[in-house]
C-alpha atoms as a PDB file:
ATOM      1  CA  UNK A   1     107.976 124.647  45.430  1.00  0.00           C
ATOM      2  CA  UNK A   2     109.774 126.198  48.391  1.00  0.00           C
ATOM      3  CA  UNK A   3     113.198 125.217  49.639  1.00  0.00           C
ATOM      4  CA  UNK A   4     113.479 123.152  52.789  1.00  0.00           C
ATOM      5  CA  UNK A   5     114.494 125.152  55.815  1.00  0.00           C
ATOM      6  CA  UNK A   6     116.853 123.855  58.466  1.00  0.00           C
ATOM      7  CA  UNK A   7     115.272 123.125  61.849  1.00  0.00           C
ATOM      8  CA  UNK A   8     115.234 126.010  64.307  1.00  0.00           C
ATOM      9  CA  UNK A   9     118.147 126.050  66.739  1.00  0.00           C
ATOM     10  CA  UNK A  10     117.553 123.936  69.816  1.00  0.00           C
ATOM     11  CA  UNK A  11     116.728 125.875  72.942  1.00  0.00           C
ATOM     12  CA  UNK A  12     119.277 125.362  75.728  1.00  0.00           C
ATOM     13  CA  UNK A  13     118.019 122.935  78.367  1.00  0.00           C
ATOM     14  CA  UNK A  14     118.538 125.426  81.209  1.00  0.00           C
ATOM     15  CA  UNK A  15     116.317 128.017  79.539  1.00  0.00           C
ATOM     16  CA  UNK A  16     113.667 125.398  78.706  1.00  0.00           C
ATOM     17  CA  UNK A  17     113.641 124.088  82.293  1.00  0.00           C
ATOM     18  CA  UNK A  18     113.526 127.621  83.655  1.00  0.00           C
ATOM     19  CA  UNK A  19     110.497 128.392  81.517  1.00  0.00           C
ATOM     20  CA  UNK A  20     108.785 125.123  82.491  1.00  0.00           C
ATOM     21  CA  UNK A  21     109.474 125.453  86.217  1.00  0.00           C
ATOM     22  CA  UNK A  22     109.249 129.225  86.724  1.00  0.00           C
ATOM     23  CA  UNK A  23     107.349 130.513  83.657  1.00  0.00           C
ATOM     24  CA  UNK A  24     104.335 131.798  85.608  1.00  0.00           C
ATOM     25  CA  UNK A  25     103.973 132.937  89.218  1.00  0.00           C
ATOM     26  CA  UNK A  26     101.995 129.786  90.090  1.00  0.00           C
ATOM     27  CA  UNK A  27     104.613 127.509  88.529  1.00  0.00           C
ATOM     28  CA  UNK A  28     107.362 129.369  90.357  1.00  0.00           C
ATOM     29  CA  UNK A  29     105.504 129.022  93.666  1.00  0.00           C
ATOM     30  CA  UNK A  30     104.804 125.315  93.089  1.00  0.00           C
ATOM     31  CA  UNK A  31     108.431 124.698  92.075  1.00  0.00           C
ATOM     32  CA  UNK A  32     109.790 126.470  95.157  1.00  0.00           C
ATOM     33  CA  UNK A  33     107.389 124.655  97.499  1.00  0.00           C
ATOM     34  CA  UNK A  34     108.320 121.279  95.978  1.00  0.00           C
ATOM     35  CA  UNK A  35     112.025 122.128  96.149  1.00  0.00           C
ATOM     36  CA  UNK A  36     111.685 123.041  99.836  1.00  0.00           C
ATOM     37  CA  UNK A  37     109.773 119.790 100.482  1.00  0.00           C
ATOM     38  CA  UNK A  38     112.497 117.756  98.754  1.00  0.00           C
ATOM     39  CA  UNK A  39     115.265 119.504 100.722  1.00  0.00           C
ATOM     40  CA  UNK A  40     113.345 119.020 103.987  1.00  0.00           C
ATOM     41  CA  UNK A  41     112.709 115.309 103.275  1.00  0.00           C
ATOM     42  CA  UNK A  42     116.329 114.718 102.226  1.00  0.00           C
ATOM     43  CA  UNK A  43     117.643 116.446 105.368  1.00  0.00           C
ATOM     44  CA  UNK A  44     115.392 114.356 107.623  1.00  0.00           C
ATOM     45  CA  UNK A  45     116.275 111.146 105.762  1.00  0.00           C
ATOM     46  CA  UNK A  46     119.997 111.919 106.124  1.00  0.00           C
ATOM     47  CA  UNK A  47     119.561 112.698 109.819  1.00  0.00           C
ATOM     48  CA  UNK A  48     117.526 109.540 110.492  1.00  0.00           C
ATOM     49  CA  UNK A  49     119.386 107.173 108.165  1.00  0.00           C
ATOM     50  CA  UNK A  50     122.984 108.256 108.778  1.00  0.00           C
ATOM     51  CA  UNK A  51     123.638 110.896 111.424  1.00  0.00           C
ATOM     52  CA  UNK A  52     121.509 109.477 114.284  1.00  0.00           C
ATOM     53  CA  UNK A  53     121.611 105.867 113.067  1.00  0.00           C
ATOM     54  CA  UNK A  54     122.964 102.923 115.041  1.00  0.00           C
ATOM     55  CA  UNK A  55     125.245 100.768 112.892  1.00  0.00           C
ATOM     56  CA  UNK A  56     126.260  98.057 115.372  1.00  0.00           C
ATOM     57  CA  UNK A  57     123.829  95.267 116.327  1.00  0.00           C
ATOM     58  CA  UNK A  58     122.922  96.685 119.763  1.00  0.00           C
ATOM     59  CA  UNK A  59     119.231  96.445 120.682  1.00  0.00           C
ATOM     60  CA  UNK A  60     119.591  98.745 123.708  1.00  0.00           C
ATOM     61  CA  UNK A  61     121.214 101.493 121.644  1.00  0.00           C
ATOM     62  CA  UNK A  62     118.466 101.158 119.045  1.00  0.00           C
ATOM     63  CA  UNK A  63     115.735 101.581 121.674  1.00  0.00           C
ATOM     64  CA  UNK A  64     117.180 104.807 123.077  1.00  0.00           C
ATOM     65  CA  UNK A  65     115.015 107.871 122.396  1.00  0.00           C
ATOM     66  CA  UNK A  66     116.242 110.183 119.674  1.00  0.00           C
ATOM     67  CA  UNK A  67     118.011 107.449 117.724  1.00  0.00           C
ATOM     68  CA  UNK A  68     117.540 106.987 114.000  1.00  0.00           C
ATOM     69  CA  UNK A  69     117.647 103.861 111.900  1.00  0.00           C
ATOM     70  CA  UNK A  70     118.917 100.632 113.413  1.00  0.00           C
ATOM     71  CA  UNK A  71     121.169  99.239 110.682  1.00  0.00           C
ATOM     72  CA  UNK A  72     122.795  96.645 112.927  1.00  0.00           C
ATOM     73  CA  UNK A  73     119.959  94.224 112.214  1.00  0.00           C
ATOM     74  CA  UNK A  74     120.995  94.182 108.544  1.00  0.00           C
ATOM     75  CA  UNK A  75     124.535  93.094 109.401  1.00  0.00           C
ATOM     76  CA  UNK A  76     123.222  90.560 111.900  1.00  0.00           C
ATOM     77  CA  UNK A  77     120.367  89.090 109.819  1.00  0.00           C
ATOM     78  CA  UNK A  78     121.468  89.518 106.203  1.00  0.00           C
ATOM     79  CA  UNK A  79     121.165  85.819 105.368  1.00  0.00           C
ATOM     80  CA  UNK A  80     117.509  85.460 106.455  1.00  0.00           C
ATOM     81  CA  UNK A  81     116.710  88.757 104.737  1.00  0.00           C
ATOM     82  CA  UNK A  82     118.274  87.571 101.478  1.00  0.00           C
ATOM     83  CA  UNK A  83     117.377  83.867 101.502  1.00  0.00           C
ATOM     84  CA  UNK A  84     114.533  83.401 103.986  1.00  0.00           C
ATOM     85  CA  UNK A  85     114.631  79.957 105.611  1.00  0.00           C
ATOM     86  CA  UNK A  86     116.359  78.312 102.652  1.00  0.00           C
ATOM     87  CA  UNK A  87     118.837  75.671 103.933  1.00  0.00           C
ATOM     88  CA  UNK A  88     122.233  77.212 104.691  1.00  0.00           C
ATOM     89  CA  UNK A  89     124.289  74.655 102.760  1.00  0.00           C
ATOM     90  CA  UNK A  90     122.161  75.214  99.630  1.00  0.00           C
ATOM     91  CA  UNK A  91     122.004  79.020  99.651  1.00  0.00           C
ATOM     92  CA  UNK A  92     124.299  79.141  96.650  1.00  0.00           C
ATOM     93  CA  UNK A  93     121.354  77.926  94.571  1.00  0.00           C
ATOM     94  CA  UNK A  94     119.038  80.919  95.161  1.00  0.00           C
ATOM     95  CA  UNK A  95     122.048  83.226  94.758  1.00  0.00           C
ATOM     96  CA  UNK A  96     122.801  81.758  91.317  1.00  0.00           C
ATOM     97  CA  UNK A  97     119.083  81.841  90.435  1.00  0.00           C
ATOM     98  CA  UNK A  98     118.896  85.551  91.297  1.00  0.00           C
ATOM     99  CA  UNK A  99     122.027  86.302  89.260  1.00  0.00           C
ATOM    100  CA  UNK A 100     120.571  84.425  86.259  1.00  0.00           C
ATOM    101  CA  UNK A 101     117.217  86.226  86.329  1.00  0.00           C
ATOM    102  CA  UNK A 102     118.878  89.587  86.957  1.00  0.00           C
ATOM    103  CA  UNK A 103     121.289  89.064  84.058  1.00  0.00           C
ATOM    104  CA  UNK A 104     118.497  88.147  81.641  1.00  0.00           C
ATOM    105  CA  UNK A 105     116.423  91.109  82.864  1.00  0.00           C
ATOM    106  CA  UNK A 106     119.328  93.505  82.316  1.00  0.00           C
ATOM    107  CA  UNK A 107     120.006  91.978  78.921  1.00  0.00           C
ATOM    108  CA  UNK A 108     116.337  92.466  78.010  1.00  0.00           C
ATOM    109  CA  UNK A 109     116.557  96.157  78.889  1.00  0.00           C
ATOM    110  CA  UNK A 110     119.252  96.645  76.241  1.00  0.00           C
ATOM    111  CA  UNK A 111     117.614  97.171  72.800  1.00  0.00           C
ATOM    112  CA  UNK A 112     120.591  95.674  70.940  1.00  0.00           C
ATOM    113  CA  UNK A 113     119.809  92.298  72.509  1.00  0.00           C
ATOM    114  CA  UNK A 114     116.225  92.187  71.234  1.00  0.00           C
ATOM    115  CA  UNK A 115     116.889  89.296  68.912  1.00  0.00           C
ATOM    116  CA  UNK A 116     115.311  85.923  68.238  1.00  0.00           C
ATOM    117  CA  UNK A 117     117.437  84.230  70.931  1.00  0.00           C
ATOM    118  CA  UNK A 118     116.139  86.384  73.811  1.00  0.00           C
ATOM    119  CA  UNK A 119     112.854  84.465  74.257  1.00  0.00           C
ATOM    120  CA  UNK A 120     114.580  81.044  74.428  1.00  0.00           C
ATOM    121  CA  UNK A 121     117.139  82.552  76.810  1.00  0.00           C
ATOM    122  CA  UNK A 122     114.289  83.658  79.082  1.00  0.00           C
ATOM    123  CA  UNK A 123     112.843  80.133  79.011  1.00  0.00           C
ATOM    124  CA  UNK A 124     116.242  78.647  79.899  1.00  0.00           C
ATOM    125  CA  UNK A 125     116.737  81.174  82.727  1.00  0.00           C
ATOM    126  CA  UNK A 126     113.258  80.547  84.143  1.00  0.00           C
ATOM    127  CA  UNK A 127     113.775  76.788  83.898  1.00  0.00           C
ATOM    128  CA  UNK A 128     117.128  77.088  85.667  1.00  0.00           C
ATOM    129  CA  UNK A 129     115.495  79.273  88.333  1.00  0.00           C
ATOM    130  CA  UNK A 130     112.824  76.645  88.995  1.00  0.00           C
ATOM    131  CA  UNK A 131     115.339  73.757  89.039  1.00  0.00           C
ATOM    132  CA  UNK A 132     117.716  75.608  91.346  1.00  0.00           C
ATOM    133  CA  UNK A 133     114.995  76.701  93.751  1.00  0.00           C
ATOM    134  CA  UNK A 134     112.993  73.457  93.908  1.00  0.00           C
ATOM    135  CA  UNK A 135     115.871  71.021  93.515  1.00  0.00           C
ATOM    136  CA  UNK A 136     115.091  67.320  93.475  1.00  0.00           C
ATOM    137  CA  UNK A 137     116.928  66.793  90.164  1.00  0.00           C
ATOM    138  CA  UNK A 138     120.573  66.463  89.112  1.00  0.00           C
ATOM    139  CA  UNK A 139     121.660  65.652  92.657  1.00  0.00           C
ATOM    140  CA  UNK A 140     120.147  68.808  94.172  1.00  0.00           C
ATOM    141  CA  UNK A 141     118.285  68.300  97.436  1.00  0.00           C
ATOM    142  CA  UNK A 142     114.585  69.162  97.220  1.00  0.00           C
ATOM    143  CA  UNK A 143     113.559  72.330  99.074  1.00  0.00           C
ATOM    144  CA  UNK A 144     109.831  72.902  99.760  1.00  0.00           C
ATOM    145  CA  UNK A 145     108.359  76.303  98.932  1.00  0.00           C
ATOM    146  CA  UNK A 146     107.647  77.074 102.590  1.00  0.00           C
ATOM    147  CA  UNK A 147     111.440  77.390 103.046  1.00  0.00           C
ATOM    148  CA  UNK A 148     111.760  79.970 100.267  1.00  0.00           C
ATOM    149  CA  UNK A 149     111.913  83.671 101.026  1.00  0.00           C
ATOM    150  CA  UNK A 150     113.880  86.863 100.686  1.00  0.00           C
ATOM    151  CA  UNK A 151     115.288  88.181  97.439  1.00  0.00           C
ATOM    152  CA  UNK A 152     114.902  85.041  95.256  1.00  0.00           C
ATOM    153  CA  UNK A 153     111.209  84.756  96.045  1.00  0.00           C
ATOM    154  CA  UNK A 154     110.675  88.478  95.468  1.00  0.00           C
ATOM    155  CA  UNK A 155     112.471  88.463  92.114  1.00  0.00           C
ATOM    156  CA  UNK A 156     110.780  85.241  91.012  1.00  0.00           C
ATOM    157  CA  UNK A 157     107.312  86.580  91.834  1.00  0.00           C
ATOM    158  CA  UNK A 158     108.103  89.909  90.152  1.00  0.00           C
ATOM    159  CA  UNK A 159     109.213  88.207  86.932  1.00  0.00           C
ATOM    160  CA  UNK A 160     106.186  85.897  86.901  1.00  0.00           C
ATOM    161  CA  UNK A 161     103.853  88.807  87.698  1.00  0.00           C
ATOM    162  CA  UNK A 162     105.256  90.909  84.874  1.00  0.00           C
ATOM    163  CA  UNK A 163     105.167  87.988  82.460  1.00  0.00           C
ATOM    164  CA  UNK A 164     101.485  87.391  83.223  1.00  0.00           C
ATOM    165  CA  UNK A 165     100.563  91.083  83.375  1.00  0.00           C
ATOM    166  CA  UNK A 166     101.526  91.858  79.782  1.00  0.00           C
ATOM    167  CA  UNK A 167      99.173  89.355  78.073  1.00  0.00           C
ATOM    168  CA  UNK A 168      96.412  90.262  80.534  1.00  0.00           C
ATOM    169  CA  UNK A 169      96.850  93.961  79.718  1.00  0.00           C
ATOM    170  CA  UNK A 170      96.761  93.188  76.008  1.00  0.00           C
ATOM    171  CA  UNK A 171      93.560  91.140  76.362  1.00  0.00           C
ATOM    172  CA  UNK A 172      91.926  93.862  78.466  1.00  0.00           C
ATOM    173  CA  UNK A 173      92.869  96.555  75.946  1.00  0.00           C
ATOM    174  CA  UNK A 174      91.439  94.478  73.100  1.00  0.00           C
ATOM    175  CA  UNK A 175      88.356  93.641  75.162  1.00  0.00           C
ATOM    176  CA  UNK A 176      87.716  97.303  75.852  1.00  0.00           C
ATOM    177  CA  UNK A 177      87.475  97.889  72.104  1.00  0.00           C
ATOM    178  CA  UNK A 178      85.283  94.822  71.535  1.00  0.00           C
ATOM    179  CA  UNK A 179      81.997  94.965  69.628  1.00  0.00           C
ATOM    180  CA  UNK A 180      80.346  92.958  72.399  1.00  0.00           C
ATOM    181  CA  UNK A 181      78.940  95.386  74.964  1.00  0.00           C
ATOM    182  CA  UNK A 182      79.279  92.961  77.888  1.00  0.00           C
ATOM    183  CA  UNK A 183      82.966  92.270  77.199  1.00  0.00           C
ATOM    184  CA  UNK A 184      83.646  95.966  76.636  1.00  0.00           C
ATOM    185  CA  UNK A 185      81.906  96.945  79.889  1.00  0.00           C
ATOM    186  CA  UNK A 186      83.630  94.207  81.887  1.00  0.00           C
ATOM    187  CA  UNK A 187      87.106  95.122  80.600  1.00  0.00           C
ATOM    188  CA  UNK A 188      86.553  98.864  81.022  1.00  0.00           C
ATOM    189  CA  UNK A 189      85.240  98.351  84.563  1.00  0.00           C
ATOM    190  CA  UNK A 190      88.234  96.218  85.523  1.00  0.00           C
ATOM    191  CA  UNK A 191      90.684  98.727  84.028  1.00  0.00           C
ATOM    192  CA  UNK A 192      89.058 101.684  85.782  1.00  0.00           C
ATOM    193  CA  UNK A 193      88.847  99.867  89.126  1.00  0.00           C
ATOM    194  CA  UNK A 194      92.526  98.949  89.029  1.00  0.00           C
ATOM    195  CA  UNK A 195      93.513 102.389  87.806  1.00  0.00           C
END
């Protein structure tokens, strides 16, 4: 029986990256072209988004030729952008709902919090989100869905979409390995069309 050998010394990251990015002439050319594209795009984004941008809410200044981004609209219309047409006096509700869902999402991204209590916490957060957004209970005024918009609606739809996408993906993966040819073909076709 031979003695166990220690692992080989780790290659420094700079040398490994250099070999990956510039190991052959084609890789070196592709890396340089991509680097130039990134620098060009960053320079144009900086010029448009900061250097030639208009920061005050002035429509005439925004319409002038050669101007960049018009950030004044953000300062002027931040409430409709964040809350849509949700009633002004009740905008604390979607703000709290967004904070709740964001906190539970961040907590879920931390592996140490993957415990038995995370699933019930998600149910409580989703229930609180629905109660806060709809209202009509506990003295909260009811708000119809056609008044919803902005960040709360986006985050709510994203969470619901992700929650429904995982079981659907699992069913499609199992269906693709099914013994039934029709189910296998249907699942594989759906997966390939979406992909």
